[in-house]
Each structure stands twice: as structure tokens, then as C-alpha cells.
Protein backbone atom coordinates (compact mmCIF):
# COMPACT_ATOMS: atom_id res chain seq x y z
CA MET A 1 202.39 127.71 111.11
CA PHE A 2 201.33 126.30 114.48
CA PHE A 3 201.34 122.70 113.32
CA GLN A 4 204.62 123.26 111.47
CA LYS A 5 206.10 124.46 114.77
CA TRP A 6 204.69 121.50 116.70
CA TRP A 7 204.94 118.92 113.93
CA PHE A 8 207.29 116.70 115.95
CA LEU A 9 204.90 116.48 118.91
CA ARG A 10 201.96 115.92 116.57
CA SER A 11 203.90 113.15 114.77
CA VAL A 12 204.81 111.41 118.03
CA LEU A 13 201.21 111.49 119.26
CA LYS A 14 199.77 110.47 115.88
CA TYR A 15 202.12 107.63 114.98
CA GLY A 16 202.42 106.51 118.58
CA SER A 17 198.64 106.42 118.98
CA SER A 18 198.50 102.62 118.64
CA CYS A 19 200.81 102.32 121.66
CA ILE A 20 198.72 104.81 123.66
CA ALA A 21 195.37 103.28 122.66
CA PRO A 22 195.34 100.37 125.17
CA LEU A 23 195.81 102.79 128.09
CA GLU A 24 193.16 105.09 126.54
CA ARG A 25 190.65 102.24 126.32
CA ARG A 26 191.34 101.10 129.87
CA ASN A 27 190.82 104.57 131.35
CA VAL A 28 187.73 105.29 129.26
CA HIS A 29 186.21 101.91 130.19
CA LYS A 30 186.96 102.49 133.86
CA LEU A 31 185.62 106.05 134.11
CA GLY A 32 183.04 106.19 131.33
CA LYS A 33 180.52 103.56 132.39
CA GLN A 34 178.22 105.90 134.30
CA PRO A 35 177.15 109.52 133.63
CA PRO A 36 179.38 112.11 135.32
CA GLU A 37 178.26 114.52 138.01
CA HIS A 38 179.02 117.50 135.77
CA PRO A 39 177.35 118.29 132.41
CA CYS A 40 178.69 118.69 128.90
CA LEU A 41 177.85 121.98 127.16
CA PHE A 42 177.78 122.24 123.36
CA ILE A 43 178.22 125.61 121.65
CA ILE A 44 176.18 125.58 118.44
CA GLY A 45 175.05 128.01 115.76
CA PRO A 46 175.82 128.95 112.15
CA PRO A 47 179.45 129.53 111.14
CA ARG A 48 180.69 133.15 111.47
CA SER A 49 178.13 133.88 114.18
CA GLY A 50 180.64 134.71 116.93
CA SER A 51 180.85 131.22 118.39
CA THR A 52 184.67 131.18 118.56
CA ILE A 53 185.04 134.37 120.61
CA PHE A 54 182.23 133.18 122.87
CA TYR A 55 184.02 129.84 123.34
CA GLN A 56 187.24 131.68 124.16
CA LEU A 57 185.48 133.91 126.67
CA ILE A 58 183.77 131.22 128.72
CA SER A 59 186.73 128.82 128.66
CA SER A 60 188.96 131.61 129.99
CA LEU A 61 186.61 133.37 132.42
CA LEU A 62 185.13 130.17 133.90
CA ASP A 63 186.90 127.26 135.55
CA ILE A 64 185.57 124.77 133.03
CA SER A 65 187.10 121.91 131.05
CA TYR A 66 187.65 122.28 127.29
CA VAL A 67 189.79 120.86 124.48
CA ASP A 68 192.87 122.98 123.83
CA ASN A 69 195.36 122.87 120.98
CA LEU A 70 197.68 120.56 122.90
CA ALA A 71 194.90 118.02 123.47
CA ASN A 72 193.92 118.39 119.82
CA LEU A 73 197.37 117.19 118.79
CA ALA A 74 196.49 113.86 120.42
CA ARG A 75 193.04 113.60 118.84
CA GLU A 76 193.42 109.88 118.10
CA ASN A 77 193.33 109.37 121.88
CA PRO A 78 191.27 112.32 123.21
CA TYR A 79 191.14 111.19 126.84
CA MET A 80 194.93 110.99 127.02
CA GLY A 81 195.21 114.27 125.09
CA ASN A 82 193.12 116.09 127.68
CA GLN A 83 195.04 114.40 130.48
CA LEU A 84 198.30 115.59 128.90
CA SER A 85 196.95 119.15 128.78
CA GLN A 86 195.77 119.01 132.39
CA ARG A 87 199.17 117.83 133.57
CA PHE A 88 200.99 120.50 131.59
CA PHE A 89 198.68 123.50 132.18
CA GLY A 90 196.66 122.49 135.24
CA SER A 91 193.73 124.87 135.76
CA ARG A 92 195.46 127.91 134.30
CA ALA A 93 193.41 130.30 132.16
CA HIS A 94 194.44 130.82 128.55
CA SER A 95 193.32 134.48 128.14
CA SER A 96 193.29 134.06 124.36
CA TYR A 97 190.71 136.13 122.47
CA SER A 98 192.00 136.10 118.89
CA SER A 99 191.36 133.66 116.07
CA GLU A 100 191.50 133.25 112.32
CA TYR A 101 188.27 131.83 110.92
CA GLY A 102 187.75 129.70 113.99
CA GLN A 103 191.39 128.66 114.29
CA THR A 104 193.24 129.59 117.49
CA THR A 105 196.53 127.85 116.73
CA ALA A 106 198.51 131.10 116.63
CA SER A 107 197.57 131.69 120.29
CA GLY A 108 199.47 128.69 121.59
CA LEU A 109 198.95 125.20 122.93
CA HIS A 110 196.48 126.13 125.68
CA ALA A 111 194.13 128.16 123.49
CA PRO A 112 190.73 126.50 123.00
CA ALA A 113 190.44 124.36 119.87
CA GLU A 114 187.49 123.29 117.75
CA ALA A 115 188.01 119.67 118.75
CA LEU A 116 188.66 117.27 115.90
CA PHE A 117 188.48 113.96 117.70
CA PHE A 118 184.71 113.60 117.19
CA TYR A 119 185.33 112.53 113.62
CA LYS A 120 186.51 109.20 114.99
CA TRP A 121 182.84 108.30 115.44
CA PHE A 122 180.70 110.70 113.42
CA PRO A 123 180.21 110.52 109.63
CA ASP A 124 181.55 113.16 107.29
CA HIS A 125 178.11 114.61 106.53
CA HIS A 126 177.16 117.13 109.17
CA PHE A 127 173.44 116.40 109.57
CA THR A 128 173.50 113.23 111.66
CA LEU A 129 170.89 111.07 113.33
CA ALA A 130 171.67 108.57 116.07
CA SER A 131 170.86 105.83 113.53
CA ASP A 132 173.81 107.02 111.42
CA LEU A 133 176.13 105.75 114.16
CA SER A 134 176.57 102.13 115.13
CA SER A 135 175.92 101.23 118.77
CA LYS A 136 179.69 100.78 119.14
CA GLN A 137 180.41 104.28 117.79
CA ALA A 138 177.75 105.90 119.96
CA GLY A 139 178.93 104.01 123.03
CA GLU A 140 182.59 104.89 122.55
CA PHE A 141 181.75 108.56 121.99
CA ARG A 142 179.58 108.71 125.12
CA GLN A 143 182.05 106.84 127.32
CA THR A 144 184.97 108.98 126.12
CA LEU A 145 183.16 112.21 127.00
CA TYR A 146 182.04 110.80 130.35
CA ALA A 147 185.60 109.77 131.15
CA MET A 148 187.05 113.15 130.13
CA ILE A 149 184.56 115.01 132.31
CA LYS A 150 185.18 112.72 135.29
CA ARG A 151 188.96 113.00 134.89
CA ALA A 152 188.74 116.82 134.94
CA ASN A 153 186.05 116.71 137.66
CA LYS A 154 184.33 119.74 136.19
CA ALA A 155 181.81 120.62 133.51
CA MET A 156 183.08 120.53 129.94
CA VAL A 157 182.35 122.91 127.06
CA ILE A 158 182.71 121.76 123.46
CA LYS A 159 182.71 123.95 120.39
CA ASN A 160 182.43 122.09 117.12
CA LEU A 161 179.70 123.64 115.02
CA SER A 162 178.92 120.39 113.22
CA PHE A 163 176.97 119.52 116.38
CA SER A 164 174.49 122.23 115.36
CA LEU A 165 173.15 119.60 112.97
CA ARG A 166 173.60 116.65 115.33
CA ILE A 167 171.25 117.60 118.16
CA GLN A 168 168.94 114.66 117.45
CA ALA A 169 171.86 112.27 117.77
CA LEU A 170 173.16 113.98 120.92
CA LYS A 171 169.72 113.78 122.52
CA GLU A 172 169.85 109.99 122.36
CA ILE A 173 173.54 109.56 123.13
CA LEU A 174 173.91 112.30 125.79
CA PRO A 175 170.42 112.99 127.14
CA ASN A 176 171.66 115.46 129.77
CA ALA A 177 173.69 117.62 127.38
CA ARG A 178 173.27 121.40 127.54
CA TYR A 179 173.19 123.69 124.49
CA ILE A 180 174.37 127.26 124.00
CA VAL A 181 173.06 128.74 120.75
CA VAL A 182 175.12 131.68 119.49
CA LEU A 183 173.20 133.99 117.15
CA ARG A 184 174.18 136.98 115.05
CA GLU A 185 172.21 139.24 112.73
CA PRO A 186 171.85 137.19 109.50
CA LEU A 187 173.15 139.99 107.26
CA TYR A 188 176.51 140.06 109.02
CA THR A 189 176.74 136.28 109.33
CA ALA A 190 176.09 135.86 105.60
CA GLN A 191 178.50 138.67 104.72
CA SER A 192 181.21 137.07 106.84
CA LEU A 193 180.58 133.69 105.23
CA LEU A 194 181.08 135.15 101.76
CA GLN A 195 184.28 136.87 102.83
CA ALA A 196 185.59 133.70 104.49
CA MET A 197 185.00 131.71 101.31
CA ARG A 198 186.85 134.28 99.24
CA LYS A 199 189.77 134.71 101.60
CA ASN A 200 190.23 130.94 101.83
CA LYS A 201 189.88 130.60 98.04
CA HIS A 202 186.91 128.30 98.53
CA PRO A 203 184.78 127.72 95.41
CA GLU A 204 181.75 130.00 95.57
CA ASN A 205 179.50 127.23 94.27
CA LYS A 206 180.34 125.01 97.24
CA VAL A 207 179.01 125.39 100.78
CA TRP A 208 181.79 126.40 103.16
CA SER A 209 182.03 125.08 106.72
CA ILE A 210 178.85 123.51 108.19
CA ARG A 211 176.69 121.85 105.54
CA PRO A 212 172.90 121.72 106.05
CA ARG A 213 170.90 118.62 105.25
CA ASN A 214 170.16 119.63 101.64
CA TYR A 215 173.40 121.48 100.94
CA LYS A 216 173.65 120.00 97.45
CA GLU A 217 170.53 121.97 96.50
CA LEU A 218 172.06 125.14 97.93
CA GLU A 219 175.10 124.72 95.72
CA LYS A 220 172.90 125.24 92.66
CA LEU A 221 172.16 128.82 93.78
CA ASP A 222 174.16 132.00 93.33
CA PRO A 223 176.66 132.56 96.19
CA HIS A 224 174.63 135.31 97.90
CA GLU A 225 171.45 133.24 98.09
CA MET A 226 173.46 130.16 99.00
CA VAL A 227 175.08 131.66 102.12
CA VAL A 228 171.82 133.24 103.30
CA LYS A 229 169.96 129.96 102.98
CA GLN A 230 172.86 128.10 104.59
CA VAL A 231 172.54 130.28 107.71
CA ASN A 232 168.75 130.10 107.63
CA GLN A 233 168.57 126.33 107.30
CA ILE A 234 171.12 125.73 110.05
CA GLU A 235 169.14 127.99 112.39
CA ARG A 236 165.84 126.36 111.44
CA GLN A 237 167.27 122.89 112.04
CA ILE A 238 168.55 124.00 115.44
CA ALA A 239 165.14 125.48 116.32
CA LYS A 240 163.34 122.31 115.24
CA ASP A 241 165.64 119.93 117.10
CA LEU A 242 165.72 121.96 120.31
CA ARG A 243 161.94 121.72 120.67
CA SER A 244 162.45 118.28 122.20
CA ILE A 245 165.14 119.49 124.63
CA PRO A 246 164.16 120.76 128.11
CA LYS A 247 164.21 124.57 128.10
CA GLU A 248 166.39 124.65 131.21
CA ASN A 249 169.12 122.91 129.17
CA ILE A 250 169.26 125.66 126.52
CA LEU A 251 170.82 129.13 126.51
CA TYR A 252 170.59 131.65 123.65
CA VAL A 253 173.40 134.19 123.32
CA GLU A 254 173.38 137.14 120.93
CA TYR A 255 176.73 138.12 119.49
CA GLU A 256 175.74 141.78 119.51
CA LYS A 257 175.32 141.71 123.32
CA MET A 258 178.67 140.13 124.18
CA GLY A 259 180.28 143.49 124.81
CA GLY A 260 177.82 145.41 126.94
CA GLN A 261 176.20 142.42 128.66
CA LEU A 262 179.17 140.06 129.00
CA LYS A 263 178.94 139.75 132.79
CA SER A 264 175.27 138.81 132.60
CA ILE A 265 175.98 136.28 129.83
CA ILE A 266 178.75 134.66 131.86
CA ASP A 267 176.36 134.40 134.82
CA ASP A 268 173.81 132.71 132.55
CA VAL A 269 176.40 130.17 131.43
CA LYS A 270 177.28 129.45 135.06
CA LYS A 271 173.61 128.83 135.79
CA LEU A 272 173.31 126.51 132.79
CA ALA A 273 176.43 124.55 133.74
CA GLY A 274 175.53 124.13 137.40
CA PRO A 275 176.88 125.24 140.78
CA SER A 276 180.26 123.55 140.35
CA VAL A 277 181.35 126.07 137.67
CA LYS A 278 183.04 129.10 139.21
CA ARG A 279 184.08 132.44 137.75
CA ARG A 280 187.86 132.97 137.74
CA SER A 281 188.39 135.90 140.08
CA ASP A 282 191.87 136.66 138.73
CA ILE A 283 190.79 137.14 135.09
CA PRO A 284 189.20 140.52 134.30
CA LEU A 285 186.37 140.84 131.82
CA PRO A 286 187.94 141.72 128.47
CA GLU A 287 186.57 144.54 126.34
CA ILE A 288 184.67 142.85 123.53
CA GLN A 289 182.97 144.80 120.74
CA ALA A 290 180.65 143.28 118.16
CA LYS A 291 182.19 143.91 114.76
CA ASN A 292 178.98 144.38 112.81
CA ARG A 293 179.81 146.69 109.98
CA ILE A 294 179.17 146.64 106.26
CA THR A 295 182.31 145.68 104.35
CA LEU A 296 180.93 144.41 101.02
CA PRO A 297 179.90 146.65 98.11
CA GLU A 298 176.36 148.07 98.22
CA GLU A 299 175.13 145.87 95.39
CA GLU A 300 176.19 142.72 97.22
CA ILE A 301 174.61 143.88 100.48
CA ALA A 302 171.39 144.58 98.58
CA LEU A 303 171.42 140.99 97.25
CA LEU A 304 171.95 139.57 100.75
CA LYS A 305 169.14 141.71 102.19
CA LYS A 306 166.81 140.63 99.40
CA HIS A 307 167.36 136.95 100.14
CA ILE A 308 167.13 137.49 103.92
CA THR A 309 163.77 139.24 103.75
CA ALA A 310 162.37 136.44 101.56
CA LEU A 311 162.85 133.86 104.34
CA GLU A 312 161.35 133.13 107.74
CA TRP A 313 163.77 133.32 110.67
CA GLU A 314 162.70 131.32 113.71
CA LEU A 315 165.55 132.37 116.00
CA HIS A 316 165.45 136.11 115.22
């Protein structure tokens, strides 16, 4: 519905992208040569772990740069898309805390988006090493992010969960990146994954959303075992890859604590992002409650629990 409403603007930005591209390249080349003063924060974790509401919270409560739905409409030229958003909205907060399976389009143009422009440089498979990108792709990606951060003159937060499986590549391309790992009890993450697949009429023998390295093997399993192992393998890959990242560049956030400990979590994000990130004094802390409740039939919950207890969980 959102993109139907804004189809004309999307069409202008998409089909006019070749005209915008020279200005995009010039600005990115000018600003993106050297690392920015402010860091880039990546929100990672399994799908259905609470990453979207966390993204919405910190991008609203903190004066931090992010990709909104307006900028996402110009994803062929992300630097110009973010510049367009900054000119239209300035530093205003979005105060949007609703979504539909990670999509915030119903909340308007300034709501935070799961940025799509990264697919200009990254391959379709989600597990990615730096060697999967050419030096040109890696360089353009790095310079574009550097330029976007410098243009906003503030830290930037990015939520695209495919980066959960691209930490090794990010380490080489963006050595000073920071990581926020959002975790949720595996039972509720797996349950939510199953429900998302069904609601979106996704085949239950195909992995939905973020695909682990060996996802083809997972697709040979029954749906309950498949979603549990999907969550487990994403978390294990994150744990493995973060071992080579400085501990001061990592923050772990539990979905279940977002309600009662939100102020403390926001303070932790500020510390991770650096002294330039300030709390918006005019935006009150919203009341957030973790929605961990059993909604599947008992026999399905029993299957999920069986598969969960059979695995090792490094992040829980």
C-alpha cells in the first residue's frame, strides 16, 4: 500500500537514477575517501528476534542517522536518498513503533527502513566473505557509508539482518564498525518464524528471511526443526565471527528486557556509539512489552522445544 501510494516518487527516483548518479558519485568520492569521525552501528540477530522494534526505538530516542522509507525510495543512489530525507525531515524524530514483519511502510516516509541499497554491492546469498566482493564493490560500499555518515555528521545505525552473516566481510571493509546483537528466547523466535512463513504463504520447505550458510540442508528437514536450526545457526555464526571483533565494539540486547530496562539499554547504545550521540529530550520513553506468549498448538510447541533442547546455544 505504501509503495502504491508513493509509486510516482519511487518511479521518478528509480528511472531518473542515471541522471542522479553522476552527482552521487561526485559527492561520495569527495566525502568518502577517509573514515568519518562517527561510527556505523549494525543491528544483527536472527529474524523475528525483536530487531525491528529495537531499531525503531534507538532511531527515535537518539539523535542518530538512519535510512528511512523516503531514502529507501532512492536506493539506487543511497547518498542522495539520505540527503533528500535530511532536507525534508531534518533531525525530527519519527516516533514510529509499529511494523509488519519488519516492514514499517505503513508508518510513513520518515519511519526507519530495512535499507535495500546494500544489494547494489553484496551477492544474493546472505553468508558473505570479503572475497565474495570485488575490490570495486567493497570500495564503493565503504565510501558510500563514509560519505553518508559525514554528510549527516552523526553516527549511523543500520538494520539489515543479512549483515548477521556478513560480519567477516564487514570486519575487512569497515574495521571500526560496531555491532548490536538482538536476542530473544529461541522458542519464541522459532514460533514467530513459523507463523511469519504461514501468514506470508511462504513454502514451509524453504527457509524464510535470512539464510544460513548451509540453508539448503535445512530445507530437507521438517518445518519445526528447520526454523529452530535456522535460528541456532545464525546465532552460532554471529558468535563465531564476533570473536575477532573488539569487545568494546559489541553490545548484546535481550528482547525480553526492552520494556523494563529500556533506559539502561538506550544508555548502553549511547556508550557504544560514542559521545556525539545524544538522547532526544523531547521524546518520552514508550511503553514496550515483550510479546512472548505461546500461540501455536501444544503439539507444535513440543516439537520446537524438542529440537531446541537438542542443540547447543552459544548466545543464551
